[in-house]
Every structure is written in structure tokens, then in C-alpha cells.
Amino acid sequence: MKNEEEKNFQLDLLRKVLGSVQDLVVVIDRDLRIVTSNWKNCDSIASIEKQGNPYCYSCLMKRSTPCEPCRLLEVFTTGHCKRFEIEDPLDGKTKLIELSPIFDDNNRVSMVVRHSKDITERKDVEKNLKMRERQHAAVAKLGQQGLSGVELDLLMKESVKLVAQTLDVEYCRIMKQEEDGDFVMLAGFGWEGKEEKAEDLGGEENDNGQNILCYTLYKGEASVVEDRDTKDKFSGYSLLRDHGQVSGMDVLIGRMDKPFGTMSVHTNQKRMFTEDDIHFVQSVANVLAESISRRKNEDRLEKYAQELEATTELKVLFTDILTHDLLNPANIIRGFTEELIILEDDQSKQKLLNKVHKNNEKLIEMMESAAKFIKLESVRDIIFEEQDIVPILEKTIRNFRDCIDKKDIDLVFDPVCSCRVMASPLIEEIFINLLSNAIKYSPEKGKIIISSTCPEDECRVQITDFGPGISDRDKPQIFERFRQADKGSVKGSGLGLAIVKRIVDLHMGRVGIDDNPLGSGSIFWVSLKKAK
């Protein structure tokens, strides 16, 4: 009797509390019957089902038998709270369910309070945030690959794969419009094994820009179709029809006035693509457009460089382009990237900025070296004066002291004698290039030996390093311009050693390379005639 009075007292308190709670809360006894609730806050349960004390599984879960496993029974048995998420069969929304035990005087679970909280909106927000995170990561990955010089075909294949996987759609493709007006698929995900040309995509559908692909090309704006049966722009293209595509989206690759093509995504589910989805696909298309533009520029520069080889006049013009039109923007990029590296806290963005900075520095080095070499090719009046090489070597070492100390390199300078030669001011550039290479390819805490000797009527300077060395196959071509050794043995622009060779030739000297007999590495040597 006492227990029954206590139970009724607890129920009265709960009824008063439940009246102010907006979420659906029910109290369930050990027979799995609902003893009280705030039914008025739940319109998805029919009035007839709320009468009396219905079974919880029947009223709340639309079942004829208890759930398996039954978490309520677990709470009655263990006395521990339970917390889990379900898709509510009453309204199809995502709900957070909390089960809390009520104990009697004997510390036995007499009832369980079931609190149902609608978290659909929160789950949607979480889903959107995760989708954005995946989208940003995909764009960053493709951007990094584009900067690293990945082949354009591979970049396109990786792009369609990443877009399809990130947006969770069945198909993604890149289409290019040929000069004859036909469309060709350059890369596709989900279309494997299909070499589709315009006629296979439905030649009759090129109807003055009415389909989605043509609309995007001609209008220069992204096009989205939620349901193909309601939009003329999705008409045509047997490839889409045959695969049961319902929704799709096209974005432009390249400039509106001179487009390269489109990137499309398609799914066999009815779907309204969001603004974030459109921005994501457009960002990927922009990465591709930049890579395509860079490739075209590289092709144009290569052709341009070949034409510049023809005459001295073109070489002078190329020098002006390097030192003004190209080098100045590169130096501006250097300044901004160095500033951004300091300001940026995000490590992934810092990594991309460092990669941009590193490649820009390499570009500047190549342009400066090319300009020097071209000037050497056109040198006519060079003034030669008697000079001692030893002070020049000492000055060169001082200029590189910071780089030497940074790598903790042990540099040994051992001049045997004074070496007086007839030399021009260009002579210093020889030792700058040779010492720079020795530092660049020496390991941390490595060693460099610089020596000068005077055999017979020559002055000989040797710079010995203990780096990776140069293979016998690469030695014959190492001093040729725009020729590099195998990247496994040495890296560079292919101009530094060509500059050395050109200056040595101007001084009627000799230059060469030998293996380091003391271990790994190389010996670069220069022999110049002594002053008489």
C-alpha cells in the first residue's frame, strides 16, 4: 500500500513537471505500459492510441511486439541510464532518446522516464559541416597536386573521382567542346569502359544550347537540375537517360569568353544541390582551369624559347622579358608569400604557401641564371686584368658563410700558393656557382674542401664535396646549358654549370669534374693560365 502511494505521489510530481516540457516525455512501468506523459506535445500519435495505458512499443515504435533488444528492460535490470539515437517511426525524424530510471524505497527500478528530443536540425548541421570539411580537403588536395606539376590527364581523373566521392554521387565527368562543335569526354567517374563521343551522347540533343551542358557553355553560368522530367535543359544525352540519371549539375571550366569545357555531376536520386555543392565543384573546375592555363603557358614558353634561339636580337629581347616582365612579378609573389607564411596559423595552408614559395624561388633562380647566360653569349668587350684568385675565393666563402653555418658544414680552405691570372670581373661567378652547388648538395654536418695549386704555367682551383656525386653517364653533359644530370644525382636549373663553362672558355681555361677519391661526392676543378 505504501509503495502504491509513493508511486502515485511520484506520478503526480512528474505530471506537473511534464506539462512544462516541450519534448515528448513518457513514463513507463515494468509492464512496458505508459503510465503518464505529456501527450499534448505530440501530434504524431493518434488520440485513440493515447487512451488508457498503451504499451510503449505499440504506441511509440509502431510494433506489435517489444523491441529487440529492448533497452527499457536493460534499464529496469541494471538501473543505469541509456542514451541513443533513432529514426523515429512516428515522424521519420532523428531523435535522441534518454532513458532514466526511477527507484522505489527498496532501491528497485519501478518506472523509467523516456525523453525524446528532436535533433534532426543538429544532425543536418553536422552533416553539412562534415561535407564542407570534405569539400575543402578535396580542393586543397587537388590544388596541391596542381602546384606539384601532376600530369593534366591524371589530375582530371583524380578530380572526377574526388568530386563524385565527396558529393556521394554516381557519376562525374569532364567534357570538352572541340573546334567542330562536338563534345568529348576527357575524364569520367562511373562511365568506366565507355569511350563516348558527341554522337554517342545523343547527336540530336545539340539543340541550340537547350541541354544542360550547352546551357552552361553558352550562358557561362552553373546549371542545376533537380528533376530531369521537369527541365528542358536536361533533355537529350542518351548516356544520361540510359543510366537513369535524375538530377545533375554543370559548371564551367575556364573563362566565360573562352571556356575549355564543363565539369558535370549526375545522380540517379532526386537531389537539390546546395550553393556549397556548386561552389565546391566550381572550385575544383577552377583548379583544373588554372592547371590547363599553366600547361598552355608552358607550351607557349617552350615554343617561345626555341624561337629565341634563332637570333641575337631575340636573345636580347628574352633577357628583357626575364629581368622585367617575368622576374618582377615573381619577386612580388615572393614578398606576398613570405608575408602570408608569417601571418597564417593553419598548418595545411602554411604547407601550401611554403610549396608556392619554394617553387617561386626556384623560378627566380632559373630566370636570373638564364639572364646571366644570355648576357655572356653576347659579351664582346671584356676587360682582363691581372688578379690573384685567392682573395676572390676568400670573398666568395665569406658571402656564403651563413649558408655554410646553417648546414653546419666543415669548410676547409687550403691555398698552397698565390695564383695570379689574367681575369675579368666575371671570374667571381665561377666560384660562386661551384661553391653554391657544393653547399646545396652536401649533407648536414658535411665537409667541403677548397684548394688552389700552381702546377707549371696554370693555376688550378678544386672544390671537393662529399654529396651524392654525379654518375659517369651524366658527366659528359653536365656543363651543357639546359642539360641536367639525372635527378637522383644532382638537381638544378641546368644553367649554373653552363655559366661556369662559358666564363672559363672566355678566359681560355679548362673546367672538369672527377669523383671524390676520399668517399662519395665530386671534385669540380678549374684551370686558368698564369699571368705572365
Protein backbone atom coordinates (compact mmCIF):
# COMPACT_ATOMS: atom_id res chain seq x y z
CA MET A 1 0.00 0.00 0.00
CA LYS A 2 2.81 2.34 0.92
CA ASN A 3 4.63 1.60 -2.33
CA GLU A 4 1.49 2.31 -4.33
CA GLU A 5 1.01 5.67 -2.55
CA GLU A 6 4.63 6.56 -3.19
CA LYS A 7 4.28 5.64 -6.86
CA ASN A 8 1.16 7.81 -7.22
CA PHE A 9 2.97 10.67 -5.48
CA GLN A 10 5.87 10.39 -7.88
CA LEU A 11 3.48 10.30 -10.86
CA ASP A 12 1.71 13.45 -9.67
CA LEU A 13 5.06 15.25 -9.45
CA LEU A 14 6.04 14.02 -12.91
CA ARG A 15 2.74 15.18 -14.45
CA LYS A 16 3.31 18.68 -13.10
CA VAL A 17 6.87 18.76 -14.48
CA LEU A 18 5.95 17.23 -17.85
CA GLY A 19 3.38 19.89 -18.52
CA SER A 20 6.17 22.48 -18.98
CA VAL A 21 8.45 20.28 -21.15
CA GLN A 22 8.22 20.79 -24.93
CA ASP A 23 9.79 17.44 -25.88
CA LEU A 24 7.80 14.22 -25.71
CA VAL A 25 8.33 12.59 -22.31
CA VAL A 26 6.59 9.38 -21.22
CA VAL A 27 6.83 7.33 -18.01
CA ILE A 28 6.83 3.56 -18.47
CA ASP A 29 6.26 0.91 -15.80
CA ARG A 30 7.75 -2.55 -15.54
CA ASP A 31 4.94 -3.99 -17.70
CA LEU A 32 6.16 -1.70 -20.52
CA ARG A 33 2.97 0.34 -20.29
CA ILE A 34 2.88 4.12 -20.43
CA VAL A 35 1.54 5.37 -17.12
CA THR A 36 1.77 9.09 -17.83
CA SER A 37 3.13 11.51 -20.44
CA ASN A 38 2.81 14.98 -21.97
CA TRP A 39 0.81 13.69 -24.98
CA LYS A 40 -0.33 17.19 -25.85
CA ASN A 41 3.17 17.94 -27.22
CA CYS A 42 3.00 15.05 -29.70
CA ASP A 43 0.64 15.42 -32.67
CA SER A 44 2.07 12.40 -34.49
CA ILE A 45 0.28 9.94 -32.16
CA ALA A 46 -3.41 9.39 -32.77
CA SER A 47 -5.78 10.30 -29.91
CA ILE A 48 -7.16 6.80 -29.72
CA GLU A 49 -3.67 5.42 -29.11
CA LYS A 50 -3.17 7.79 -26.19
CA GLN A 51 -6.14 6.42 -24.25
CA GLY A 52 -5.57 4.22 -21.19
CA ASN A 53 -2.09 2.83 -20.61
CA PRO A 54 -0.84 1.62 -24.00
CA TYR A 55 2.26 -0.46 -24.48
CA CYS A 56 5.28 1.71 -25.23
CA TYR A 57 6.42 -0.38 -28.21
CA SER A 58 2.96 -0.20 -29.79
CA CYS A 59 2.34 3.49 -29.21
CA LEU A 60 5.88 4.85 -29.71
CA MET A 61 7.55 2.37 -32.08
CA LYS A 62 4.58 1.10 -34.14
CA ARG A 63 5.36 -2.51 -33.25
CA SER A 64 3.17 -5.41 -32.18
CA THR A 65 5.94 -6.92 -30.03
CA PRO A 66 8.68 -5.43 -27.80
CA CYS A 67 11.82 -4.13 -29.48
CA GLU A 68 14.77 -6.48 -29.76
CA PRO A 69 16.94 -5.75 -27.96
CA CYS A 70 14.78 -3.77 -25.55
CA ARG A 71 16.80 -1.01 -23.92
CA LEU A 72 13.99 -0.33 -21.45
CA LEU A 73 14.40 -3.80 -20.00
CA GLU A 74 18.13 -3.15 -19.70
CA VAL A 75 17.42 -0.03 -17.62
CA PHE A 76 14.95 -1.94 -15.41
CA THR A 77 17.57 -4.64 -14.94
CA THR A 78 20.75 -2.58 -14.45
CA GLY A 79 19.39 0.67 -13.09
CA HIS A 80 21.70 2.55 -15.50
CA CYS A 81 20.65 5.37 -17.81
CA LYS A 82 20.64 4.79 -21.56
CA ARG A 83 21.23 7.34 -24.31
CA PHE A 84 20.95 6.60 -28.05
CA GLU A 85 19.69 7.95 -31.37
CA ILE A 86 16.88 6.55 -33.54
CA GLU A 87 14.91 7.43 -36.64
CA ASP A 88 11.51 7.98 -35.08
CA PRO A 89 8.86 5.83 -36.83
CA LEU A 90 6.21 8.38 -35.78
CA ASP A 91 7.51 11.24 -37.93
CA GLY A 92 10.72 9.98 -39.59
CA LYS A 93 12.90 12.50 -37.77
CA THR A 94 16.16 11.82 -35.94
CA LYS A 95 15.57 11.69 -32.20
CA LEU A 96 17.85 11.49 -29.18
CA ILE A 97 16.32 9.06 -26.67
CA GLU A 98 17.25 9.24 -22.99
CA LEU A 99 16.04 6.55 -20.57
CA SER A 100 16.29 7.41 -16.87
CA PRO A 101 15.30 5.01 -14.03
CA ILE A 102 13.02 5.90 -11.07
CA PHE A 103 13.77 3.90 -7.90
CA ASP A 104 11.36 2.95 -5.08
CA ASP A 105 12.23 2.72 -1.35
CA ASN A 106 13.74 -0.74 -1.89
CA ASN A 107 16.17 0.72 -4.46
CA ARG A 108 14.36 -1.16 -7.20
CA VAL A 109 13.58 0.40 -10.57
CA SER A 110 9.83 0.91 -10.57
CA MET A 111 9.50 3.15 -13.64
CA VAL A 112 11.60 4.57 -16.50
CA VAL A 113 11.31 8.07 -17.91
CA ARG A 114 11.70 8.16 -21.70
CA HIS A 115 12.72 11.58 -23.05
CA SER A 116 12.61 12.04 -26.85
CA LYS A 117 14.41 15.11 -28.25
CA ASP A 118 14.28 16.11 -31.93
CA ILE A 119 17.91 16.53 -33.14
CA THR A 120 17.20 16.48 -36.87
CA GLU A 121 18.34 20.05 -37.37
CA ARG A 122 21.52 19.48 -35.39
CA LYS A 123 22.32 16.32 -37.37
CA ASP A 124 21.75 18.20 -40.62
CA VAL A 125 24.14 20.93 -39.49
CA GLU A 126 26.75 18.32 -38.51
CA LYS A 127 26.30 16.60 -41.85
CA ASN A 128 26.74 19.87 -43.73
CA LEU A 129 29.84 20.76 -41.71
CA LYS A 130 31.37 17.35 -42.44
CA MET A 131 30.51 17.76 -46.11
CA ARG A 132 32.18 21.18 -46.20
CA GLU A 133 35.25 19.77 -44.48
CA ARG A 134 35.48 17.00 -47.07
CA GLN A 135 34.99 19.51 -49.87
CA HIS A 136 37.72 21.82 -48.58
CA ALA A 137 40.08 18.88 -48.14
CA ALA A 138 39.38 17.69 -51.70
CA VAL A 139 40.03 21.15 -53.20
CA ALA A 140 43.23 21.51 -51.14
CA LYS A 141 44.46 18.08 -52.30
CA LEU A 142 43.81 18.87 -55.96
CA GLY A 143 45.37 22.31 -55.59
CA GLN A 144 48.49 20.78 -54.12
CA GLN A 145 48.68 18.23 -56.94
CA GLY A 146 48.23 21.01 -59.48
CA LEU A 147 51.08 23.01 -57.95
CA SER A 148 53.34 19.96 -57.85
CA GLY A 149 53.07 19.57 -61.63
CA VAL A 150 50.97 16.39 -61.87
CA GLU A 151 50.15 15.43 -65.46
CA LEU A 152 46.91 17.06 -66.61
CA ASP A 153 45.27 13.75 -67.57
CA LEU A 154 45.97 12.30 -64.13
CA LEU A 155 44.73 15.48 -62.44
CA MET A 156 41.45 15.28 -64.37
CA LYS A 157 40.92 11.63 -63.45
CA GLU A 158 41.64 12.35 -59.80
CA SER A 159 39.28 15.36 -59.92
CA VAL A 160 36.21 13.47 -61.16
CA LYS A 161 36.85 10.69 -58.68
CA LEU A 162 37.20 13.05 -55.72
CA VAL A 163 34.14 15.10 -56.69
CA ALA A 164 31.94 12.00 -57.07
CA GLN A 165 33.11 10.54 -53.77
CA THR A 166 32.86 13.83 -51.88
CA LEU A 167 29.33 14.65 -53.10
CA ASP A 168 28.29 10.98 -52.90
CA VAL A 169 27.01 10.86 -56.48
CA GLU A 170 27.24 8.07 -59.00
CA TYR A 171 28.77 9.96 -61.91
CA CYS A 172 31.13 12.84 -62.64
CA ARG A 173 32.71 13.81 -65.92
CA ILE A 174 34.75 16.48 -67.71
CA MET A 175 33.54 17.46 -71.18
CA LYS A 176 35.45 19.47 -73.78
CA GLN A 177 33.96 21.15 -76.83
CA GLU A 178 36.03 20.51 -79.95
CA GLU A 179 36.51 23.04 -82.74
CA ASP A 180 33.89 21.25 -84.85
CA GLY A 181 31.33 21.70 -82.08
CA ASP A 182 31.31 18.08 -80.90
CA PHE A 183 31.73 17.25 -77.23
CA VAL A 184 34.33 14.78 -76.00
CA MET A 185 34.55 13.30 -72.51
CA LEU A 186 38.14 13.68 -71.27
CA ALA A 187 37.65 12.04 -67.87
CA GLY A 188 34.76 10.29 -66.19
CA PHE A 189 33.94 8.52 -62.95
CA GLY A 190 31.14 5.95 -63.21
CA TRP A 191 31.37 5.83 -67.01
CA GLU A 192 34.25 3.33 -67.00
CA GLY A 193 34.72 1.44 -70.22
CA LYS A 194 32.76 3.95 -72.29
CA GLU A 195 34.52 5.96 -74.98
CA GLU A 196 31.74 8.49 -75.54
CA LYS A 197 31.76 11.00 -78.40
CA ALA A 198 29.12 13.55 -79.30
CA GLU A 199 27.10 11.12 -81.42
CA ASP A 200 27.04 8.61 -78.56
CA LEU A 201 25.83 11.31 -76.21
CA GLY A 202 22.86 11.97 -78.44
CA GLY A 203 23.73 13.97 -81.51
CA GLU A 204 20.18 15.23 -81.80
CA GLU A 205 20.43 16.87 -78.42
CA ASN A 206 22.78 19.67 -79.52
CA ASP A 207 19.66 21.78 -79.85
CA ASN A 208 20.84 25.38 -79.73
CA GLY A 209 22.01 25.09 -76.18
CA GLN A 210 18.85 23.62 -74.67
CA ASN A 211 20.55 20.77 -72.80
CA ILE A 212 22.35 21.36 -69.53
CA LEU A 213 25.90 21.08 -70.92
CA CYS A 214 25.33 23.52 -73.77
CA TYR A 215 23.41 25.87 -71.48
CA THR A 216 26.45 26.11 -69.18
CA LEU A 217 28.85 26.70 -72.06
CA TYR A 218 26.73 29.32 -73.80
CA LYS A 219 25.47 31.13 -70.70
CA GLY A 220 28.73 30.88 -68.77
CA GLU A 221 26.98 30.00 -65.51
CA ALA A 222 26.45 26.91 -63.41
CA SER A 223 23.27 24.96 -64.17
CA VAL A 224 21.47 22.68 -61.71
CA VAL A 225 18.60 20.29 -62.46
CA GLU A 226 16.70 18.68 -59.60
CA ASP A 227 14.43 16.54 -61.76
CA ARG A 228 15.15 15.81 -65.42
CA ASP A 229 11.46 15.35 -66.22
CA THR A 230 10.71 18.97 -65.31
CA LYS A 231 13.55 20.74 -67.12
CA ASP A 232 14.18 21.06 -70.85
CA LYS A 233 17.85 21.71 -70.15
CA PHE A 234 18.24 18.09 -69.09
CA SER A 235 16.68 16.78 -72.28
CA GLY A 236 18.75 14.56 -74.51
CA TYR A 237 22.01 12.75 -73.87
CA SER A 238 21.22 9.07 -74.16
CA LEU A 239 24.13 8.31 -71.84
CA LEU A 240 22.30 10.06 -69.00
CA ARG A 241 18.92 8.55 -69.85
CA ASP A 242 20.30 5.03 -70.16
CA HIS A 243 21.84 5.30 -66.70
CA GLY A 244 18.65 6.59 -65.13
CA GLN A 245 20.05 9.96 -64.15
CA VAL A 246 17.55 12.19 -62.39
CA SER A 247 19.50 15.16 -61.02
CA GLY A 248 22.60 16.89 -62.29
CA MET A 249 24.81 19.94 -62.27
CA ASP A 250 27.24 21.53 -64.72
CA VAL A 251 29.89 24.18 -64.02
CA LEU A 252 32.21 25.96 -66.41
CA ILE A 253 35.92 25.17 -66.72
CA GLY A 254 37.82 28.26 -67.82
CA ARG A 255 36.80 31.79 -68.68
CA MET A 256 33.30 32.60 -69.85
CA ASP A 257 34.61 34.23 -73.06
CA LYS A 258 36.90 31.30 -73.83
CA PRO A 259 35.73 28.17 -71.99
CA PHE A 260 37.63 24.92 -72.00
CA GLY A 261 34.59 22.78 -71.22
CA THR A 262 32.43 21.73 -68.29
CA MET A 263 32.55 19.57 -65.20
CA SER A 264 29.31 17.69 -64.54
CA VAL A 265 27.93 15.61 -61.69
CA HIS A 266 24.90 13.30 -62.02
CA THR A 267 22.93 11.10 -59.67
CA ASN A 268 20.01 8.70 -60.08
CA GLN A 269 18.43 10.15 -56.91
CA LYS A 270 16.28 13.27 -56.89
CA ARG A 271 18.52 15.86 -55.26
CA MET A 272 18.71 19.62 -54.93
CA PHE A 273 22.38 20.57 -54.97
CA THR A 274 23.16 23.32 -52.47
CA GLU A 275 25.14 26.52 -53.01
CA ASP A 276 28.02 24.86 -51.14
CA ASP A 277 27.91 21.93 -53.58
CA ILE A 278 28.01 24.32 -56.54
CA HIS A 279 30.89 26.32 -55.04
CA PHE A 280 32.80 23.10 -54.36
CA VAL A 281 32.50 21.80 -57.93
CA GLN A 282 33.32 25.26 -59.28
CA SER A 283 36.44 25.40 -57.06
CA VAL A 284 37.60 22.08 -58.48
CA ALA A 285 36.88 23.37 -62.00
CA ASN A 286 38.94 26.48 -61.21
CA VAL A 287 41.89 24.31 -60.12
CA LEU A 288 41.65 22.45 -63.42
CA ALA A 289 41.35 25.70 -65.37
CA GLU A 290 44.48 27.04 -63.69
CA SER A 291 46.40 23.83 -64.47
CA ILE A 292 45.19 23.88 -68.08
CA SER A 293 46.22 27.53 -68.40
CA ARG A 294 49.61 26.79 -66.85
CA ARG A 295 50.15 23.90 -69.27
CA LYS A 296 49.27 26.11 -72.23
CA ASN A 297 51.60 28.80 -70.94
CA GLU A 298 54.38 26.24 -70.50
CA ASP A 299 53.85 25.05 -74.07
CA ARG A 300 53.90 28.62 -75.33
CA LEU A 301 57.03 29.44 -73.32
CA GLU A 302 58.78 26.34 -74.65
CA LYS A 303 57.94 27.29 -78.22
CA TYR A 304 58.94 30.86 -77.50
CA ALA A 305 62.30 29.77 -76.07
CA GLN A 306 63.03 27.74 -79.19
CA GLU A 307 62.31 30.73 -81.38
CA LEU A 308 64.56 32.92 -79.23
CA GLU A 309 67.48 30.63 -80.05
CA ALA A 310 67.37 31.85 -83.65
CA THR A 311 68.99 35.30 -83.46
CA THR A 312 70.96 37.50 -81.09
CA GLU A 313 68.19 40.09 -81.27
CA LEU A 314 65.67 37.61 -79.89
CA LYS A 315 68.10 36.65 -77.12
CA VAL A 316 68.32 40.27 -76.03
CA LEU A 317 64.52 40.50 -76.08
CA PHE A 318 64.27 37.36 -73.96
CA THR A 319 66.72 38.89 -71.45
CA ASP A 320 64.45 41.93 -71.11
CA ILE A 321 61.40 39.71 -70.60
CA LEU A 322 63.18 37.70 -67.89
CA THR A 323 64.50 40.69 -65.97
CA HIS A 324 61.34 42.81 -66.19
CA ASP A 325 58.14 41.11 -67.35
CA LEU A 326 58.73 37.80 -65.52
CA LEU A 327 61.21 38.47 -62.72
CA ASN A 328 59.34 41.47 -61.29
CA PRO A 329 56.02 39.57 -60.81
CA ALA A 330 57.98 36.65 -59.36
CA ASN A 331 59.57 38.96 -56.80
CA ILE A 332 56.13 40.35 -55.94
CA ILE A 333 54.91 36.78 -55.40
CA ARG A 334 57.95 36.20 -53.17
CA GLY A 335 57.07 39.19 -50.98
CA PHE A 336 53.42 38.32 -50.57
CA THR A 337 54.03 34.61 -49.89
CA GLU A 338 56.67 35.38 -47.26
CA GLU A 339 54.21 37.75 -45.56
CA LEU A 340 51.38 35.20 -45.72
CA ILE A 341 53.60 32.45 -44.28
CA ILE A 342 54.23 34.67 -41.25
CA LEU A 343 50.54 35.57 -40.81
CA GLU A 344 48.98 32.15 -41.49
CA ASP A 345 48.37 29.87 -38.48
CA ASP A 346 46.74 26.95 -40.30
CA GLN A 347 49.45 24.31 -40.87
CA SER A 348 47.85 22.88 -44.04
CA LYS A 349 47.71 26.36 -45.59
CA GLN A 350 51.27 27.08 -44.44
CA LYS A 351 52.38 23.89 -46.19
CA LEU A 352 50.79 25.03 -49.47
CA LEU A 353 52.28 28.53 -49.09
CA ASN A 354 55.75 27.06 -48.46
CA LYS A 355 55.39 24.94 -51.60
CA VAL A 356 54.42 28.05 -53.61
CA HIS A 357 57.35 29.98 -52.11
CA LYS A 358 59.83 27.17 -52.80
CA ASN A 359 58.77 26.81 -56.44
CA ASN A 360 58.76 30.59 -56.91
CA GLU A 361 62.33 30.79 -55.54
CA LYS A 362 63.36 28.09 -58.00
CA LEU A 363 61.69 30.06 -60.80
CA ILE A 364 63.54 33.25 -59.80
CA GLU A 365 66.86 31.36 -59.68
CA MET A 366 66.26 29.92 -63.14
CA MET A 367 65.33 33.31 -64.61
CA GLU A 368 68.38 35.02 -63.09
CA SER A 369 70.69 32.26 -64.32
CA ALA A 370 69.18 32.37 -67.80
CA ALA A 371 69.62 36.15 -67.95
CA LYS A 372 73.27 35.84 -66.91
CA PHE A 373 73.93 33.17 -69.50
CA ILE A 374 72.34 35.15 -72.33
CA LYS A 375 74.42 38.20 -71.41
CA LEU A 376 77.54 36.05 -71.53
CA GLU A 377 76.60 34.89 -75.01
CA SER A 378 76.52 38.50 -76.21
CA VAL A 379 79.68 39.72 -74.42
CA ARG A 380 82.04 41.44 -76.84
CA ASP A 381 84.32 43.79 -74.92
CA ILE A 382 85.66 42.04 -71.80
CA ILE A 383 88.42 43.75 -69.84
CA PHE A 384 91.08 41.40 -68.44
CA GLU A 385 93.36 42.46 -65.61
CA GLU A 386 95.96 40.62 -63.55
CA GLN A 387 94.31 39.33 -60.38
CA ASP A 388 95.06 36.94 -57.51
CA ILE A 389 92.44 34.18 -57.27
CA VAL A 390 92.97 33.55 -53.53
CA PRO A 391 91.31 36.81 -52.32
CA ILE A 392 88.42 36.13 -54.71
CA LEU A 393 87.95 32.70 -53.16
CA GLU A 394 88.07 34.18 -49.65
CA LYS A 395 85.40 36.75 -50.58
CA THR A 396 83.19 34.03 -52.04
CA ILE A 397 83.50 31.97 -48.85
CA ARG A 398 82.55 35.00 -46.72
CA ASN A 399 79.46 35.61 -48.84
CA PHE A 400 78.31 32.01 -48.27
CA ARG A 401 79.22 31.85 -44.56
CA ASP A 402 75.57 31.96 -43.39
CA CYS A 403 74.61 29.07 -45.68
CA ILE A 404 77.66 27.09 -44.56
CA ASP A 405 76.90 27.62 -40.89
CA LYS A 406 73.21 26.86 -41.35
CA LYS A 407 74.04 23.33 -42.56
CA ASP A 408 76.93 23.04 -40.06
CA ILE A 409 79.34 22.25 -42.89
CA ASP A 410 83.05 21.89 -42.16
CA LEU A 411 84.71 24.03 -44.87
CA VAL A 412 88.46 23.66 -45.32
CA PHE A 413 90.27 26.27 -47.42
CA ASP A 414 93.85 25.32 -48.22
CA PRO A 415 95.55 27.68 -50.71
CA VAL A 416 99.05 26.40 -51.43
CA CYS A 417 100.29 29.49 -53.21
CA SER A 418 99.29 32.79 -54.70
CA CYS A 419 97.50 32.28 -58.04
CA ARG A 420 97.78 35.30 -60.31
CA VAL A 421 95.90 35.13 -63.58
CA MET A 422 94.58 37.47 -66.25
CA ALA A 423 90.89 37.67 -65.36
CA SER A 424 87.76 39.76 -65.81
CA PRO A 425 85.20 40.66 -63.10
CA LEU A 426 83.20 37.66 -64.32
CA ILE A 427 85.74 35.30 -62.71
CA GLU A 428 83.97 35.53 -59.35
CA GLU A 429 80.81 34.00 -60.87
CA ILE A 430 82.71 30.73 -61.45
CA PHE A 431 83.43 30.17 -57.79
CA ILE A 432 80.00 31.43 -56.67
CA ASN A 433 78.29 28.76 -58.79
CA LEU A 434 80.66 25.94 -57.83
CA LEU A 435 80.56 26.68 -54.09
CA SER A 436 76.78 27.17 -54.19
CA ASN A 437 76.35 23.72 -55.73
CA ALA A 438 78.72 22.14 -53.22
CA ILE A 439 76.72 23.60 -50.31
CA LYS A 440 73.38 22.74 -51.86
CA TYR A 441 74.15 19.05 -52.32
CA SER A 442 76.27 18.50 -49.21
CA PRO A 443 74.54 16.72 -46.31
CA GLU A 444 74.03 18.32 -42.92
CA LYS A 445 77.34 18.40 -40.98
CA GLY A 446 79.11 17.56 -44.24
CA LYS A 447 82.50 18.72 -45.46
CA ILE A 448 83.79 20.87 -48.34
CA ILE A 449 87.46 21.29 -49.28
CA ILE A 450 88.66 24.24 -51.39
CA SER A 451 92.25 24.17 -52.57
CA SER A 452 94.41 26.09 -55.03
CA THR A 453 97.64 24.88 -56.60
CA CYS A 454 100.03 26.18 -59.27
CA PRO A 455 101.25 23.32 -61.49
CA GLU A 456 103.65 24.61 -64.18
CA ASP A 457 102.04 27.52 -66.06
CA GLU A 458 98.49 27.06 -64.71
CA CYS A 459 96.53 27.94 -61.59
CA ARG A 460 94.18 25.15 -60.53
CA VAL A 461 91.29 25.55 -58.08
CA GLN A 462 89.44 22.48 -56.74
CA ILE A 463 86.17 22.38 -54.81
CA THR A 464 85.57 18.96 -53.26
CA ASP A 465 82.23 17.93 -51.77
CA PHE A 466 81.00 14.74 -50.10
CA GLY A 467 77.47 14.80 -51.51
CA PRO A 468 75.68 12.20 -53.67
CA GLY A 469 78.10 12.59 -56.57
CA ILE A 470 77.43 12.52 -60.31
CA SER A 471 77.18 9.37 -62.38
CA ASP A 472 79.63 8.68 -65.23
CA ARG A 473 76.69 8.80 -67.64
CA ASP A 474 75.89 12.41 -66.70
CA LYS A 475 79.42 13.81 -66.52
CA PRO A 476 79.86 14.48 -70.27
CA GLN A 477 76.77 16.71 -70.43
CA ILE A 478 76.94 18.37 -67.02
CA PHE A 479 78.34 21.65 -68.40
CA GLU A 480 75.87 21.93 -71.29
CA ARG A 481 73.16 24.59 -70.98
CA PHE A 482 69.66 23.44 -70.12
CA ARG A 483 71.04 19.96 -69.56
CA GLN A 484 70.78 18.41 -66.14
CA ALA A 485 72.19 15.30 -64.61
CA ASP A 486 69.81 12.58 -63.51
CA LYS A 487 67.74 13.93 -60.60
CA GLY A 488 68.95 11.09 -58.48
CA SER A 489 72.44 12.55 -58.52
CA VAL A 490 72.05 16.32 -58.89
CA LYS A 491 69.28 18.89 -59.20
CA GLY A 492 69.31 22.36 -60.65
CA SER A 493 68.14 24.68 -63.40
CA GLY A 494 70.69 23.34 -65.89
CA LEU A 495 72.28 26.79 -66.30
CA GLY A 496 74.68 27.27 -63.36
CA LEU A 497 77.41 24.97 -64.63
CA ALA A 498 76.81 26.16 -68.21
CA ILE A 499 77.59 29.69 -66.97
CA VAL A 500 80.78 28.38 -65.34
CA LYS A 501 81.84 26.70 -68.59
CA ARG A 502 81.14 29.81 -70.64
CA ILE A 503 83.19 32.10 -68.32
CA VAL A 504 86.08 29.62 -68.23
CA ASP A 505 86.03 29.47 -72.03
CA LEU A 506 86.17 33.27 -72.18
CA HIS A 507 89.34 33.07 -70.05
CA MET A 508 90.83 30.39 -72.31
CA GLY A 509 90.80 27.94 -69.40
CA ARG A 510 89.58 24.43 -68.67
CA VAL A 511 86.90 23.06 -66.32
CA GLY A 512 86.08 19.49 -65.34
CA ILE A 513 84.70 17.05 -62.81
CA ASP A 514 86.18 13.99 -61.10
CA ASP A 515 84.95 11.57 -58.48
CA ASN A 516 85.97 12.29 -54.89
CA PRO A 517 88.63 9.66 -54.02
CA LEU A 518 88.03 10.23 -50.30
CA GLY A 519 84.44 8.94 -50.43
CA SER A 520 81.15 9.94 -52.03
CA GLY A 521 80.88 13.26 -53.82
CA SER A 522 82.66 15.11 -56.61
CA ILE A 523 85.62 17.36 -57.34
CA PHE A 524 84.95 20.32 -59.60
CA TRP A 525 88.18 21.88 -60.87
CA VAL A 526 89.08 24.97 -62.88
CA SER A 527 92.45 25.59 -64.54
CA LEU A 528 93.42 29.06 -65.74
CA LYS A 529 96.66 30.26 -67.34
CA LYS A 530 99.01 32.18 -65.08
CA ALA A 531 99.62 35.84 -65.72
CA LYS A 532 103.00 36.41 -67.45
